[in-house]
N, C-alpha and C. Protein backbone atom coordinates (compact mmCIF):
# COMPACT_ATOMS: atom_id res chain seq x y z
N MET A 1 162.82 -27.98 -1.93
CA MET A 1 164.00 -28.33 -1.11
C MET A 1 165.23 -28.16 -1.96
N LYS A 2 166.20 -27.45 -1.48
CA LYS A 2 167.37 -27.10 -2.26
C LYS A 2 168.31 -28.26 -2.54
N ASN A 3 168.58 -29.08 -1.57
CA ASN A 3 169.57 -30.18 -1.70
C ASN A 3 168.92 -31.51 -1.41
N GLU A 4 167.82 -31.80 -2.05
CA GLU A 4 167.07 -33.00 -1.74
C GLU A 4 167.88 -34.29 -1.97
N LEU A 5 168.72 -34.31 -3.01
CA LEU A 5 169.55 -35.50 -3.27
C LEU A 5 170.50 -35.74 -2.11
N VAL A 6 171.09 -34.68 -1.57
CA VAL A 6 171.96 -34.79 -0.45
C VAL A 6 171.24 -35.30 0.79
N LEU A 7 170.06 -34.78 1.04
CA LEU A 7 169.27 -35.22 2.19
C LEU A 7 168.91 -36.71 2.06
N GLN A 8 168.50 -37.12 0.86
CA GLN A 8 168.17 -38.52 0.65
C GLN A 8 169.39 -39.39 0.84
N ALA A 9 170.53 -38.99 0.29
CA ALA A 9 171.75 -39.81 0.41
C ALA A 9 172.15 -39.92 1.91
N PHE A 10 172.08 -38.80 2.62
CA PHE A 10 172.43 -38.80 4.04
C PHE A 10 171.49 -39.73 4.81
N GLY A 11 170.20 -39.66 4.53
CA GLY A 11 169.24 -40.49 5.20
C GLY A 11 169.48 -41.97 4.97
N GLN A 12 169.82 -42.35 3.76
CA GLN A 12 170.17 -43.74 3.47
C GLN A 12 171.44 -44.19 4.19
N HIS A 13 172.40 -43.29 4.24
CA HIS A 13 173.64 -43.58 4.90
C HIS A 13 173.43 -43.77 6.43
N LEU A 14 172.64 -42.89 7.01
CA LEU A 14 172.32 -42.97 8.42
C LEU A 14 171.61 -44.31 8.71
N ARG A 15 170.66 -44.65 7.86
CA ARG A 15 169.91 -45.92 8.05
C ARG A 15 170.83 -47.10 7.99
N ARG A 16 171.79 -47.09 7.03
CA ARG A 16 172.75 -48.21 6.89
C ARG A 16 173.61 -48.29 8.14
N LEU A 17 174.10 -47.15 8.64
CA LEU A 17 174.89 -47.18 9.86
C LEU A 17 174.12 -47.75 11.05
N ARG A 18 172.88 -47.33 11.16
CA ARG A 18 172.03 -47.77 12.26
C ARG A 18 171.73 -49.25 12.11
N GLU A 19 171.32 -49.69 10.95
CA GLU A 19 171.01 -51.11 10.74
C GLU A 19 172.24 -52.03 10.89
N ALA A 20 173.39 -51.53 10.54
CA ALA A 20 174.61 -52.33 10.71
C ALA A 20 174.88 -52.66 12.16
N ARG A 21 174.36 -51.84 13.04
CA ARG A 21 174.50 -52.08 14.46
C ARG A 21 173.33 -52.89 15.05
N GLY A 22 172.34 -53.15 14.18
CA GLY A 22 171.18 -53.85 14.64
C GLY A 22 170.24 -53.03 15.54
N TRP A 23 170.35 -51.71 15.37
CA TRP A 23 169.57 -50.79 16.21
C TRP A 23 168.26 -50.42 15.52
N SER A 24 167.26 -50.17 16.36
CA SER A 24 166.04 -49.55 15.91
C SER A 24 166.24 -48.04 15.85
N GLN A 25 165.27 -47.38 15.27
CA GLN A 25 165.33 -45.90 15.27
C GLN A 25 165.32 -45.38 16.71
N GLN A 26 164.54 -46.02 17.56
CA GLN A 26 164.49 -45.59 18.96
C GLN A 26 165.82 -45.80 19.66
N ALA A 27 166.51 -46.91 19.38
CA ALA A 27 167.81 -47.16 19.99
C ALA A 27 168.80 -46.10 19.60
N LEU A 28 168.80 -45.73 18.31
CA LEU A 28 169.73 -44.67 17.87
C LEU A 28 169.35 -43.30 18.51
N ALA A 29 168.06 -43.04 18.58
CA ALA A 29 167.60 -41.81 19.19
C ALA A 29 168.08 -41.75 20.63
N ASP A 30 167.98 -42.89 21.35
CA ASP A 30 168.38 -42.91 22.77
C ASP A 30 169.85 -42.62 22.93
N VAL A 31 170.73 -43.28 22.16
CA VAL A 31 172.16 -43.08 22.32
C VAL A 31 172.63 -41.72 21.84
N ALA A 32 171.90 -41.17 20.85
CA ALA A 32 172.25 -39.86 20.31
C ALA A 32 171.55 -38.69 21.08
N ASP A 33 170.66 -39.04 21.95
CA ASP A 33 169.92 -38.04 22.74
C ASP A 33 169.13 -37.11 21.83
N VAL A 34 168.43 -37.69 20.82
CA VAL A 34 167.51 -36.96 19.98
C VAL A 34 166.21 -37.73 19.99
N SER A 35 165.18 -37.19 19.41
CA SER A 35 163.91 -37.89 19.37
C SER A 35 163.81 -38.92 18.27
N LYS A 36 162.98 -39.93 18.46
CA LYS A 36 162.75 -40.95 17.40
C LYS A 36 162.19 -40.27 16.16
N PRO A 37 161.26 -39.36 16.27
CA PRO A 37 160.74 -38.67 15.04
C PRO A 37 161.90 -37.95 14.29
N THR A 38 162.89 -37.46 14.97
CA THR A 38 164.00 -36.82 14.31
C THR A 38 164.76 -37.83 13.48
N ILE A 39 165.01 -39.00 14.03
CA ILE A 39 165.71 -40.06 13.24
C ILE A 39 164.88 -40.42 12.02
N TYR A 40 163.58 -40.60 12.24
CA TYR A 40 162.69 -40.95 11.10
C TYR A 40 162.78 -39.88 10.03
N ARG A 41 162.66 -38.60 10.44
CA ARG A 41 162.64 -37.51 9.47
C ARG A 41 164.02 -37.46 8.71
N LEU A 42 165.07 -37.71 9.41
CA LEU A 42 166.41 -37.66 8.74
C LEU A 42 166.50 -38.80 7.76
N GLU A 43 166.14 -39.98 8.16
CA GLU A 43 166.22 -41.15 7.27
C GLU A 43 165.36 -41.08 6.07
N THR A 44 164.27 -40.35 6.20
CA THR A 44 163.32 -40.24 5.07
C THR A 44 163.44 -38.88 4.32
N ALA A 45 164.53 -38.16 4.62
CA ALA A 45 164.82 -36.89 3.93
C ALA A 45 163.73 -35.87 4.09
N ARG A 46 163.09 -35.86 5.23
CA ARG A 46 162.02 -34.86 5.50
C ARG A 46 162.50 -33.69 6.38
N TYR A 47 163.81 -33.77 6.73
CA TYR A 47 164.36 -32.82 7.67
C TYR A 47 165.78 -32.57 7.36
N SER A 48 166.19 -31.34 7.37
CA SER A 48 167.60 -31.01 7.17
C SER A 48 168.33 -31.00 8.49
N VAL A 49 169.33 -31.81 8.61
CA VAL A 49 170.03 -31.99 9.91
C VAL A 49 170.84 -30.74 10.26
N THR A 50 170.90 -30.49 11.57
CA THR A 50 171.68 -29.38 12.09
C THR A 50 173.02 -29.92 12.56
N LEU A 51 173.95 -29.03 12.71
CA LEU A 51 175.28 -29.39 13.19
C LEU A 51 175.22 -30.06 14.56
N ASP A 52 174.36 -29.50 15.43
CA ASP A 52 174.19 -30.07 16.78
C ASP A 52 173.72 -31.55 16.70
N VAL A 53 172.77 -31.83 15.83
CA VAL A 53 172.24 -33.16 15.73
C VAL A 53 173.31 -34.08 15.08
N LEU A 54 174.02 -33.57 14.09
CA LEU A 54 175.12 -34.37 13.47
C LEU A 54 176.13 -34.76 14.51
N ALA A 55 176.52 -33.84 15.39
CA ALA A 55 177.48 -34.16 16.43
C ALA A 55 176.94 -35.16 17.38
N SER A 56 175.65 -35.07 17.74
CA SER A 56 175.02 -36.07 18.61
C SER A 56 174.96 -37.46 17.98
N LEU A 57 174.67 -37.48 16.71
CA LEU A 57 174.60 -38.79 15.98
C LEU A 57 175.96 -39.43 15.95
N ALA A 58 176.96 -38.65 15.57
CA ALA A 58 178.34 -39.20 15.51
C ALA A 58 178.75 -39.73 16.88
N GLN A 59 178.48 -38.99 17.90
CA GLN A 59 178.82 -39.41 19.28
C GLN A 59 178.04 -40.70 19.64
N GLY A 60 176.78 -40.72 19.33
CA GLY A 60 175.99 -41.92 19.65
C GLY A 60 176.44 -43.12 18.89
N LEU A 61 176.81 -42.95 17.62
CA LEU A 61 177.26 -44.04 16.81
C LEU A 61 178.73 -44.40 17.09
N GLU A 62 179.37 -43.55 17.87
CA GLU A 62 180.81 -43.70 18.23
C GLU A 62 181.70 -43.76 16.97
N ILE A 63 181.44 -42.76 16.13
CA ILE A 63 182.26 -42.63 14.91
C ILE A 63 182.63 -41.12 14.77
N PRO A 64 183.70 -40.85 14.04
CA PRO A 64 184.05 -39.48 13.82
C PRO A 64 182.98 -38.79 12.99
N LEU A 65 182.80 -37.51 13.18
CA LEU A 65 181.84 -36.73 12.37
C LEU A 65 182.17 -36.85 10.90
N SER A 66 183.42 -36.90 10.56
CA SER A 66 183.79 -37.02 9.15
C SER A 66 183.27 -38.30 8.56
N GLU A 67 183.26 -39.39 9.30
CA GLU A 67 182.73 -40.66 8.81
C GLU A 67 181.22 -40.59 8.58
N LEU A 68 180.56 -39.92 9.48
CA LEU A 68 179.11 -39.74 9.34
C LEU A 68 178.80 -38.95 8.03
N MET A 69 179.69 -38.09 7.64
CA MET A 69 179.47 -37.24 6.47
C MET A 69 180.02 -37.83 5.18
N GLN A 70 180.54 -39.03 5.24
CA GLN A 70 181.10 -39.64 4.02
C GLN A 70 180.06 -40.59 3.39
N PHE A 71 179.40 -40.08 2.42
CA PHE A 71 178.35 -40.86 1.72
C PHE A 71 178.28 -40.37 0.30
N PRO A 72 177.95 -41.30 -0.62
CA PRO A 72 177.87 -40.89 -2.03
C PRO A 72 176.58 -40.11 -2.31
N VAL A 73 176.67 -39.11 -3.10
CA VAL A 73 175.50 -38.30 -3.53
C VAL A 73 175.35 -38.51 -5.05
N PRO A 74 174.22 -39.02 -5.49
CA PRO A 74 174.07 -39.20 -6.93
C PRO A 74 174.07 -37.88 -7.62
N PRO A 75 174.57 -37.85 -8.86
CA PRO A 75 174.56 -36.58 -9.60
C PRO A 75 173.16 -36.12 -9.92
N ARG A 76 172.99 -34.80 -10.04
CA ARG A 76 171.69 -34.29 -10.46
C ARG A 76 171.44 -34.60 -11.93
N SER A 77 170.17 -34.84 -12.24
CA SER A 77 169.85 -35.11 -13.63
C SER A 77 169.86 -33.78 -14.39
N SER A 78 170.01 -33.84 -15.66
CA SER A 78 170.05 -32.60 -16.47
C SER A 78 168.72 -31.89 -16.50
N ALA A 79 167.65 -32.56 -16.06
CA ALA A 79 166.31 -31.97 -16.03
C ALA A 79 166.14 -31.07 -14.81
N ASP A 80 167.07 -31.10 -13.83
CA ASP A 80 166.93 -30.28 -12.66
C ASP A 80 167.22 -28.87 -12.87
């Protein structure tokens, strides 16, 4: 996987946003009109998100797309 650190950081960020609202993965899936397995795969960095899904998530979370994409990414180790 090319950008595994980014996928992991995004997944953690998405989970924090979801949990801050007290939502289950199913609740987020419902408001974003995506499947629960998609939410699971995103949060566990098993799936690279598409622009379409990003837009649906932002709309479901009622936040700007830019806010959904603001998350820290740890630096790569020198062994990479």
